């Protein structure tokens, strides 16, 4: 009799285990996989925290500051967006501040043009667009700073969303990420269908991934702004008209200017700390300028880049 009870108990346990395994297999089958691919970082040097104007100002971001790799959505022709959101619990400390800049980690995997949008929304999707502009990859390796065309006042009653979208809808590995042992799901939002956002962890990837998107908030939006690159190059007036002035502390440098579809419109050696470029024939719009360490075309190291607006 005791032996029969033992066999019966074992049978019940095996049946329960089988049901559990079947349920787990069903959940795994329902979870989409194989939609994303990663490029692993070769250089894992920590990202240096940018300086700020005052202790009250801040670069809001998630993650451990150690670049881990880049993510791509595999199927071509399918829109792909990724984002971070900052909840009211984070924004409460910055009531009355203004978002003036966004930074994204850029490297050799960033090859396609991106759309950057600043939204307010709820805890699962962006809703109200506050600023939108195009970001053209510059080739710079590190955090690339984007000055907002329209500064956004912080509203601590809503979620602040920073969204990047691929414009070319190709597999370009644009979404840089870092790892964190104490992850936050607000740092790994992805979208492949309109008005449908999901946690990246639901696609079978590591929950420790955090997208490398930063947001700069300040209580003095008209004051001197922080720069991610300490070289000190600048373009002014910005916005400007028929004259683009470039000032740099680099000796024997070269400046190149590109339009928003990546065409080189001007290249010039910089033998002094200041040059003026005649932009009279250029169409109105946004341009990207790049300063290199060498005056020779096609050589040198990219030291600083920025955007200039011609009105």
Foldseek 3Di string as FASTA:
>chain_A
DVVVVVVVVVVVVVVVVVVVVVVVVVLVVPQAAPQKDKDFDPDFDFADAFDWPDPLKDKDFDDDRTWTTFMWGADFPFKKKKKFKDALVRCVSVQLKKWFKKKAFDAPLAQAKKKKWKAWDADFDGDGTDFIDIDHDDRDGHIAMDTTPDIGHGDSNTMIMIMMIGPRRHGRRNFIWHFDPDADQSFTWMDRDPPHIDRPVSHVDDRRIGTGMIIIIDNCSPDDGTDSAPQDWDWDDAQDAQKIKIFTPAAQKKKWKADPVGHTDDIDTDHDRMDIDGRHPPDFAKMKMWMFNHNDPPDGDTRDMDMGGYD
